[in-house]
Protein backbone atom coordinates (compact mmCIF):
# COMPACT_ATOMS: atom_id res chain seq x y z
CA MET A 1 -23.07 -88.05 -64.61
CA GLN A 2 -23.66 -91.75 -65.08
CA ALA A 3 -26.15 -91.75 -62.21
CA MET A 4 -28.10 -88.94 -63.83
CA ALA A 5 -28.18 -90.82 -67.16
CA TRP A 6 -29.37 -93.98 -65.44
CA ARG A 7 -32.15 -92.09 -63.63
CA ALA A 8 -33.23 -90.49 -66.90
CA ALA A 9 -33.33 -93.86 -68.71
CA SER A 10 -35.27 -95.41 -65.85
CA GLY A 11 -37.77 -92.59 -65.98
CA LEU A 12 -38.21 -93.10 -69.74
CA VAL A 13 -38.81 -96.84 -69.31
CA ALA A 14 -41.31 -96.19 -66.54
CA ALA A 15 -43.12 -93.66 -68.69
CA LEU A 16 -43.33 -96.18 -71.56
CA LEU A 17 -44.63 -98.89 -69.29
CA LEU A 18 -47.27 -96.59 -67.88
CA ALA A 19 -48.33 -95.35 -71.30
CA PRO A 20 -51.78 -96.67 -72.38
CA GLY A 21 -50.41 -98.23 -75.58
CA ALA A 22 -47.62 -100.08 -73.73
CA ARG A 23 -49.81 -102.36 -71.70
CA ALA A 24 -50.03 -106.02 -72.68
CA GLN A 25 -52.91 -106.45 -75.10
CA SER A 26 -55.43 -109.25 -74.79
CA LEU A 27 -56.77 -111.41 -77.59
CA ASP A 28 -59.96 -109.38 -77.57
CA ASP A 29 -57.92 -106.21 -78.10
CA TYR A 30 -56.38 -107.72 -81.22
CA ALA A 31 -59.69 -109.22 -82.37
CA SER A 32 -61.50 -105.89 -82.05
CA ARG A 33 -59.29 -104.48 -84.81
CA ALA A 34 -59.02 -107.66 -86.88
CA SER A 35 -60.34 -108.19 -90.38
CA CYS A 36 -63.29 -110.60 -90.14
CA LEU A 37 -65.10 -111.99 -93.17
CA ILE A 38 -67.76 -114.70 -93.42
CA THR A 39 -67.08 -116.99 -96.37
CA PRO A 40 -68.56 -120.21 -97.81
CA PHE A 41 -67.46 -123.46 -96.22
CA HIS A 42 -66.73 -124.90 -99.68
CA VAL A 43 -67.11 -123.67 -103.25
CA TYR A 44 -67.49 -126.44 -105.84
CA LYS A 45 -66.86 -125.61 -109.49
CA LEU A 46 -68.56 -128.55 -111.16
CA ALA A 47 -67.39 -129.81 -114.54
CA MET A 48 -68.24 -132.96 -116.48
CA SER A 49 -65.69 -135.75 -116.10
CA ILE A 50 -65.90 -136.54 -119.83
CA PRO A 51 -66.52 -134.20 -122.79
CA GLY A 52 -69.72 -133.97 -124.81
CA PRO A 53 -72.74 -131.81 -125.67
CA LEU A 54 -75.11 -131.04 -122.82
CA ALA A 55 -78.58 -132.54 -123.06
CA SER A 56 -79.89 -130.61 -120.07
CA VAL A 57 -78.92 -128.35 -117.17
CA ALA A 58 -81.36 -128.89 -114.32
CA VAL A 59 -80.54 -125.89 -112.09
CA LYS A 60 -80.45 -122.12 -112.18
CA ARG A 61 -78.75 -119.48 -110.07
CA ALA A 62 -79.91 -119.33 -106.42
CA ASP A 63 -81.40 -122.86 -106.48
CA VAL A 64 -80.90 -124.85 -103.29
CA VAL A 65 -79.61 -128.33 -104.08
CA LYS A 66 -79.24 -131.52 -102.06
CA LYS A 67 -76.24 -133.83 -102.11
CA GLY A 68 -76.49 -136.15 -105.12
CA GLN A 69 -79.05 -134.00 -106.94
CA ILE A 70 -78.63 -133.90 -110.73
CA ILE A 71 -77.03 -130.69 -111.98
CA ALA A 72 -76.59 -131.51 -115.68
CA GLN A 73 -76.50 -134.42 -118.13
CA LEU A 74 -74.68 -135.04 -121.38
CA GLU A 75 -76.44 -136.40 -124.45
CA SER A 76 -76.43 -140.16 -123.84
CA VAL A 77 -78.79 -141.85 -126.32
CA VAL A 78 -76.14 -144.29 -127.57
CA GLU A 79 -74.82 -145.05 -124.07
CA GLN A 80 -78.35 -145.63 -122.74
CA ALA A 81 -79.08 -148.04 -125.60
CA GLN A 82 -75.92 -149.99 -124.76
CA VAL A 83 -76.98 -150.20 -121.12
CA ASP A 84 -80.47 -151.43 -122.10
CA ALA A 85 -79.00 -154.12 -124.37
CA ALA A 86 -76.56 -155.27 -121.70
CA ARG A 87 -79.37 -155.42 -119.16
CA VAL A 88 -81.36 -157.75 -121.40
CA ARG A 89 -78.34 -160.00 -121.95
CA SER A 90 -77.61 -160.14 -118.23
CA THR A 91 -81.14 -161.02 -117.16
CA THR A 92 -82.30 -163.48 -119.83
CA ASP A 93 -81.74 -167.23 -119.41
CA VAL A 94 -82.91 -168.25 -122.91
CA ALA A 95 -79.44 -169.45 -123.90
CA ILE A 96 -79.12 -171.53 -120.73
CA ARG A 97 -82.52 -173.17 -121.31
CA LEU A 98 -81.65 -173.89 -124.94
CA LYS A 99 -78.31 -175.49 -124.05
CA THR A 100 -79.99 -177.46 -121.27
CA ALA A 101 -82.53 -178.84 -123.73
CA VAL A 102 -79.75 -179.85 -126.13
CA TYR A 103 -77.87 -181.58 -123.31
CA THR A 104 -81.01 -183.42 -122.17
CA ALA A 105 -81.50 -184.81 -125.67
CA ALA A 106 -77.81 -185.71 -125.98
CA ALA A 107 -77.82 -187.41 -122.59
CA ALA A 108 -80.90 -189.46 -123.53
CA LYS A 109 -79.25 -190.53 -126.80
CA LEU A 110 -76.11 -191.50 -124.91
CA GLU A 111 -78.15 -193.64 -122.53
CA ARG A 112 -79.81 -195.45 -125.47
CA GLN A 113 -76.40 -196.06 -127.04
CA ARG A 114 -75.13 -197.46 -123.75
CA LYS A 115 -78.00 -199.97 -123.60
CA LEU A 116 -77.47 -200.92 -127.23
CA LYS A 117 -73.76 -201.38 -126.58
CA VAL A 118 -74.52 -203.72 -123.71
CA ALA A 119 -76.82 -205.66 -126.05
CA ALA A 120 -74.06 -205.61 -128.66
CA VAL A 121 -76.33 -204.06 -131.31
CA THR A 122 -74.44 -200.78 -131.82
CA SER A 123 -70.93 -199.91 -132.83
CA GLU A 124 -68.25 -198.52 -130.54
CA GLN A 125 -67.97 -195.51 -132.80
CA ALA A 126 -71.67 -194.65 -132.45
CA PHE A 127 -71.41 -194.88 -128.68
CA GLU A 128 -68.33 -192.65 -128.56
CA GLU A 129 -70.00 -190.05 -130.81
CA ALA A 130 -73.05 -189.95 -128.51
CA GLU A 131 -70.80 -189.66 -125.48
CA ALA A 132 -68.85 -186.76 -127.03
CA ALA A 133 -72.05 -184.94 -128.03
CA ALA A 134 -73.41 -185.19 -124.47
CA SER A 135 -70.11 -183.90 -123.03
CA VAL A 136 -70.03 -180.94 -125.41
CA ALA A 137 -73.67 -180.10 -124.69
CA LYS A 138 -72.97 -180.10 -120.94
CA GLU A 139 -70.01 -177.73 -121.36
CA GLU A 140 -72.14 -175.42 -123.50
CA ILE A 141 -74.50 -175.01 -120.54
CA GLU A 142 -71.59 -173.78 -118.44
CA GLN A 143 -70.54 -171.47 -121.28
CA ALA A 144 -74.04 -170.00 -121.40
CA ARG A 145 -73.96 -169.39 -117.65
CA LEU A 146 -70.54 -167.75 -117.94
CA ASP A 147 -71.80 -165.52 -120.77
CA LYS A 148 -74.64 -164.38 -118.52
CA GLU A 149 -72.23 -163.50 -115.70
CA LEU A 150 -70.01 -161.61 -118.13
CA ALA A 151 -73.06 -159.73 -119.41
CA ALA A 152 -73.84 -158.67 -115.84
CA LEU A 153 -70.28 -157.35 -115.44
CA GLU A 154 -70.56 -155.54 -118.76
CA LEU A 155 -73.83 -154.00 -117.57
CA THR A 156 -72.09 -152.70 -114.46
CA ARG A 157 -69.32 -151.16 -116.57
CA LEU A 158 -71.74 -149.51 -118.99
CA GLU A 159 -73.89 -148.17 -116.14
CA ALA A 160 -70.77 -146.60 -114.58
CA THR A 161 -69.89 -145.07 -117.94
CA LEU A 162 -73.40 -143.70 -118.31
CA ASP A 163 -73.35 -142.32 -114.77
CA ARG A 164 -70.19 -140.34 -115.59
CA ARG A 165 -72.32 -138.43 -118.10
CA THR A 166 -74.45 -137.12 -115.24
CA LEU A 167 -73.19 -134.26 -113.05
CA ARG A 168 -74.41 -134.33 -109.43
CA ALA A 169 -74.13 -131.96 -106.49
CA PRO A 170 -71.32 -133.10 -104.14
CA ALA A 171 -72.94 -131.47 -101.11
CA GLU A 172 -75.98 -129.53 -100.00
CA GLY A 173 -75.64 -125.91 -101.03
CA VAL A 174 -76.76 -123.06 -103.25
CA VAL A 175 -76.12 -122.65 -106.97
CA THR A 176 -74.17 -119.40 -107.28
CA SER A 177 -73.53 -119.51 -111.03
CA VAL A 178 -74.42 -121.46 -114.17
CA GLU A 179 -71.81 -121.15 -116.90
CA LEU A 180 -73.07 -123.63 -119.54
CA HIS A 181 -76.53 -124.50 -120.83
CA ALA A 182 -78.24 -127.27 -122.81
CA GLY A 183 -76.78 -127.65 -126.29
CA GLU A 184 -73.36 -126.27 -125.36
CA TYR A 185 -70.24 -128.41 -125.33
CA ALA A 186 -68.93 -129.37 -121.90
CA ASP A 187 -65.52 -130.75 -120.96
CA PRO A 188 -63.50 -131.32 -117.78
CA THR A 189 -61.76 -127.93 -118.03
CA ASN A 190 -64.90 -125.74 -118.11
CA PRO A 191 -67.33 -125.67 -115.15
CA VAL A 192 -71.00 -126.16 -115.87
CA ALA A 193 -72.13 -124.65 -112.57
CA THR A 194 -70.85 -123.56 -109.17
CA VAL A 195 -72.39 -124.86 -105.94
CA THR A 196 -71.55 -123.05 -102.72
CA GLU A 197 -71.85 -124.79 -99.35
CA ILE A 198 -73.10 -122.24 -96.81
CA ASP A 199 -74.14 -124.40 -93.87
CA PRO A 200 -71.85 -124.29 -92.09
CA LEU A 201 -69.95 -121.14 -93.02
CA THR A 202 -66.28 -120.32 -92.55
CA VAL A 203 -65.16 -117.15 -90.79
CA ASP A 204 -61.74 -115.80 -91.81
CA VAL A 205 -60.05 -113.67 -89.15
CA TYR A 206 -56.61 -112.08 -89.70
CA LEU A 207 -54.74 -111.39 -86.47
CA PRO A 208 -51.31 -109.83 -85.81
CA ALA A 209 -48.35 -112.06 -85.01
CA LYS A 210 -48.41 -111.01 -81.33
CA ALA A 211 -51.77 -112.76 -80.97
CA TYR A 212 -50.43 -116.07 -82.24
CA PRO A 213 -49.77 -117.66 -78.81
CA LEU A 214 -53.20 -116.54 -77.58
CA VAL A 215 -55.22 -118.53 -80.12
CA SER A 216 -55.76 -122.28 -79.85
CA MET A 217 -57.73 -124.87 -81.77
CA GLY A 218 -61.22 -125.44 -80.43
CA MET A 219 -61.64 -121.96 -78.95
CA SER A 220 -65.13 -120.58 -79.33
CA ALA A 221 -65.92 -117.05 -80.38
CA GLY A 222 -68.91 -114.81 -80.78
CA ILE A 223 -69.35 -113.87 -84.44
CA THR A 224 -71.48 -110.81 -85.13
CA PRO A 225 -72.31 -110.18 -88.81
CA GLN A 226 -72.49 -106.59 -89.99
CA GLU A 227 -75.81 -104.76 -89.91
CA PRO A 228 -78.57 -105.20 -90.79
CA LEU A 229 -78.03 -108.87 -89.91
CA GLY A 230 -76.43 -108.41 -86.48
CA GLY A 231 -76.82 -110.84 -83.60
CA ALA A 232 -73.89 -112.83 -82.22
CA ARG A 233 -73.52 -116.50 -83.20
CA GLU A 234 -71.05 -118.99 -81.77
CA GLY A 235 -68.22 -120.24 -83.95
CA VAL A 236 -65.34 -122.60 -83.20
CA VAL A 237 -61.71 -122.29 -84.30
CA ILE A 238 -60.95 -125.06 -86.82
CA THR A 239 -57.79 -123.67 -88.45
CA LYS A 240 -54.79 -121.78 -87.10
CA ASP A 241 -52.46 -120.97 -89.94
CA PRO A 242 -48.97 -122.35 -89.19
CA GLN A 243 -47.39 -119.53 -91.14
CA ILE A 244 -47.32 -115.80 -90.46
CA ASP A 245 -47.27 -113.56 -93.51
CA ALA A 246 -43.93 -111.75 -93.46
CA ALA A 247 -45.18 -108.73 -95.42
CA SER A 248 -48.26 -107.95 -93.33
CA GLY A 249 -47.29 -109.59 -90.01
CA LEU A 250 -50.71 -111.30 -89.93
CA PHE A 251 -51.85 -114.91 -89.69
CA LEU A 252 -55.17 -116.51 -90.55
CA VAL A 253 -57.60 -118.05 -88.08
CA GLN A 254 -60.67 -119.84 -89.45
CA LEU A 255 -63.82 -120.61 -87.50
CA ARG A 256 -66.70 -122.93 -88.31
CA LEU A 257 -70.04 -121.12 -88.03
CA PRO A 258 -73.31 -123.10 -88.18
CA ASN A 259 -75.82 -121.49 -90.53
CA PRO A 260 -79.16 -123.34 -90.32
CA GLY A 261 -81.65 -122.18 -92.87
CA ALA A 262 -78.91 -120.20 -94.67
CA ALA A 263 -79.80 -117.21 -92.52
CA ILE A 264 -76.41 -115.55 -93.10
CA PRO A 265 -75.19 -114.98 -96.66
CA ALA A 266 -71.53 -115.55 -97.45
CA GLY A 267 -69.37 -112.52 -98.16
CA VAL A 268 -70.52 -110.53 -95.12
CA HIS A 269 -68.05 -108.67 -92.91
CA CYS A 270 -68.23 -109.32 -89.19
CA SER A 271 -66.71 -108.72 -85.78
CA VAL A 272 -65.32 -111.42 -83.50
CA LYS A 273 -64.92 -111.84 -79.75
CA PHE A 274 -63.02 -114.90 -78.62
CA GLU A 275 -64.36 -116.88 -75.68
CA ARG A 276 -63.56 -120.16 -73.97
CA MET A 277 -63.34 -123.74 -75.21
CA SER A 278 -66.84 -124.88 -76.13
CA ALA A 279 -68.81 -128.10 -76.12
CA ALA A 280 -69.08 -127.72 -79.87
CA ALA A 281 -65.31 -127.79 -80.07
CA ASP A 282 -65.19 -131.03 -78.12
CA ALA A 283 -67.62 -132.53 -80.61
CA LEU A 284 -65.29 -131.65 -83.46
CA LYS A 285 -62.33 -133.49 -81.92
């Protein structure tokens, strides 16, 4: 009886092993059924660092922007005037020339008093007064030079303050939304515009837990966007999520996909076929 049961169990195991669904699946098998979505590399929601009314917004939706390009500016008439005044103070040497002239006259008077003292035709008090005046005049030259240096530092501070009233693009990308316009009040909690970086792109692939040991950093993969775009492009694995979602049994793999000329829009579904380690992956290390 036991022998018959053992033979039956063995037959069942053999049948399961021979069944098409029981064979060990490859990474490509998992990838063929995986969710694959092409997403932006970064999305920047840009807000002013300090509050104030907007003087101008220099972009509109779908504009391509370069890194450092001006997105918007706050009204800055007062701040600009302060910068202009500080620039004049930091570059002029009128005060230094004036104090130098005063010292030259005081030094000449002191020299005359010294000669008169030697000839015993002036008082000690007159000589000491001339000496003190020359000493004070010399120190006032140094004070004028110090004031000029402090004005230069103040100019740097005011320029930094003024620059904070200008919003710039943090990277090359495309403007995907403009939330505020000239005349509206901006603050750090409300974005003025959104810039999306789409070269390169990121490809999000969700694989089942069984595929986890089969994926490694630096692997290359052929990414084929949905029609009508089509055409496989090479991407490289840059992220392997260290956590598997308990509810779905899936984990996230992200690939970096070059997108010169913004040929592929973000938000497109795709298919993925994993390949070998690539030279591009070596360049990322």
